[in-house]
Amino acid sequence: MKETILVQFGQKIREERLKKNLSQEQLADRAGVHRTYIGMIERAEKNITLINIQKIAKALEIQIAYLFAEL
């Protein structure tokens, strides 16, 4: 069973990525991570590190705190 917070966080990443009209590959390139890693986060298959949260937030041009709002 997937942890609820991972599911919610992954949904938030996907939502923000789609708002910016970015593919998983484009977001991964901007964040400096592998494309499959973004997919794994969005599907709640990875427990992401703070360092990578920071990279993804920066790539999405949003504050880290926004990713945790309403989780």
C-alpha atoms as a PDB file:
ATOM      1  CA  MET A   1       0.000   0.000   0.000  1.00  0.00           C
ATOM      2  CA  LYS A   2       1.369   3.388  -1.000  1.00  0.00           C
ATOM      3  CA  GLU A   3       1.745   6.053   1.648  1.00  0.00           C
ATOM      4  CA  THR A   4      -0.892   8.748   1.298  1.00  0.00           C
ATOM      5  CA  ILE A   5       1.643  11.576   1.501  1.00  0.00           C
ATOM      6  CA  LEU A   6       3.627  10.104  -1.407  1.00  0.00           C
ATOM      7  CA  VAL A   7       0.472   9.836  -3.513  1.00  0.00           C
ATOM      8  CA  GLN A   8      -0.571  13.403  -2.705  1.00  0.00           C
ATOM      9  CA  PHE A   9       2.921  14.752  -3.307  1.00  0.00           C
ATOM     10  CA  GLY A  10       3.166  12.959  -6.640  1.00  0.00           C
ATOM     11  CA  GLN A  11      -0.202  14.346  -7.687  1.00  0.00           C
ATOM     12  CA  LYS A  12       0.960  17.852  -6.777  1.00  0.00           C
ATOM     13  CA  ILE A  13       4.110  17.458  -8.891  1.00  0.00           C
ATOM     14  CA  ARG A  14       2.067  16.190 -11.851  1.00  0.00           C
ATOM     15  CA  GLU A  15      -0.465  19.015 -11.458  1.00  0.00           C
ATOM     16  CA  GLU A  16       2.238  21.694 -11.422  1.00  0.00           C
ATOM     17  CA  ARG A  17       4.110  20.071 -14.317  1.00  0.00           C
ATOM     18  CA  LEU A  18       0.971  20.020 -16.439  1.00  0.00           C
ATOM     19  CA  LYS A  19       0.158  23.650 -15.556  1.00  0.00           C
ATOM     20  CA  LYS A  20       3.543  24.548 -17.041  1.00  0.00           C
ATOM     21  CA  ASN A  21       2.880  22.336 -20.090  1.00  0.00           C
ATOM     22  CA  LEU A  22       6.009  20.310 -19.380  1.00  0.00           C
ATOM     23  CA  SER A  23       6.579  16.669 -20.193  1.00  0.00           C
ATOM     24  CA  GLN A  24       8.186  14.455 -17.571  1.00  0.00           C
ATOM     25  CA  GLU A  25      11.352  14.551 -19.656  1.00  0.00           C
ATOM     26  CA  GLN A  26      11.373  18.360 -19.836  1.00  0.00           C
ATOM     27  CA  LEU A  27      10.878  18.672 -16.080  1.00  0.00           C
ATOM     28  CA  ALA A  28      13.593  16.106 -15.459  1.00  0.00           C
ATOM     29  CA  ASP A  29      16.005  18.009 -17.700  1.00  0.00           C
ATOM     30  CA  ARG A  30      15.285  21.275 -15.888  1.00  0.00           C
ATOM     31  CA  ALA A  31      15.697  19.612 -12.488  1.00  0.00           C
ATOM     32  CA  GLY A  32      18.793  17.612 -13.391  1.00  0.00           C
ATOM     33  CA  VAL A  33      17.227  14.235 -12.661  1.00  0.00           C
ATOM     34  CA  HIS A  34      16.358  11.229 -14.816  1.00  0.00           C
ATOM     35  CA  ARG A  35      13.037  11.207 -16.675  1.00  0.00           C
ATOM     36  CA  THR A  36      11.976   7.941 -15.083  1.00  0.00           C
ATOM     37  CA  TYR A  37      12.529   9.471 -11.636  1.00  0.00           C
ATOM     38  CA  ILE A  38       9.810  12.066 -12.289  1.00  0.00           C
ATOM     39  CA  GLY A  39       7.401   9.311 -13.309  1.00  0.00           C
ATOM     40  CA  MET A  40       8.227   7.319 -10.200  1.00  0.00           C
ATOM     41  CA  ILE A  41       7.547  10.360  -8.000  1.00  0.00           C
ATOM     42  CA  GLU A  42       4.248  11.049  -9.724  1.00  0.00           C
ATOM     43  CA  ARG A  43       3.188   7.407  -9.273  1.00  0.00           C
ATOM     44  CA  ALA A  44       4.241   7.471  -5.587  1.00  0.00           C
ATOM     45  CA  GLU A  45       6.915   4.837  -6.181  1.00  0.00           C
ATOM     46  CA  LYS A  46       9.768   6.950  -4.766  1.00  0.00           C
ATOM     47  CA  ASN A  47      10.275   8.576  -1.396  1.00  0.00           C
ATOM     48  CA  ILE A  48      11.949  11.707  -2.717  1.00  0.00           C
ATOM     49  CA  THR A  49      14.820  13.429  -0.891  1.00  0.00           C
ATOM     50  CA  LEU A  50      14.824  17.052   0.208  1.00  0.00           C
ATOM     51  CA  ILE A  51      17.589  17.827  -2.277  1.00  0.00           C
ATOM     52  CA  ASN A  52      15.487  16.553  -5.158  1.00  0.00           C
ATOM     53  CA  ILE A  53      12.393  18.333  -3.856  1.00  0.00           C
ATOM     54  CA  GLN A  54      14.399  21.540  -4.023  1.00  0.00           C
ATOM     55  CA  LYS A  55      15.571  20.781  -7.578  1.00  0.00           C
ATOM     56  CA  ILE A  56      12.045  20.045  -8.780  1.00  0.00           C
ATOM     57  CA  ALA A  57      10.538  23.109  -7.089  1.00  0.00           C
ATOM     58  CA  LYS A  58      13.185  25.280  -8.697  1.00  0.00           C
ATOM     59  CA  ALA A  59      12.559  23.652 -12.088  1.00  0.00           C
ATOM     60  CA  LEU A  60       8.819  24.322 -11.683  1.00  0.00           C
ATOM     61  CA  GLU A  61       9.574  27.877 -10.513  1.00  0.00           C
ATOM     62  CA  ILE A  62       7.566  27.461  -7.314  1.00  0.00           C
ATOM     63  CA  GLN A  63       8.327  27.595  -3.597  1.00  0.00           C
ATOM     64  CA  ILE A  64       9.049  24.291  -1.857  1.00  0.00           C
ATOM     65  CA  ALA A  65       6.343  25.048   0.709  1.00  0.00           C
ATOM     66  CA  TYR A  66       3.733  25.173  -2.051  1.00  0.00           C
ATOM     67  CA  LEU A  67       4.399  21.500  -2.808  1.00  0.00           C
ATOM     68  CA  PHE A  68       3.410  20.628   0.759  1.00  0.00           C
ATOM     69  CA  ALA A  69       0.354  22.873   1.034  1.00  0.00           C
ATOM     70  CA  GLU A  70      -2.776  20.869   1.867  1.00  0.00           C
ATOM     71  CA  LEU A  71      -1.009  17.491   2.040  1.00  0.00           C
END
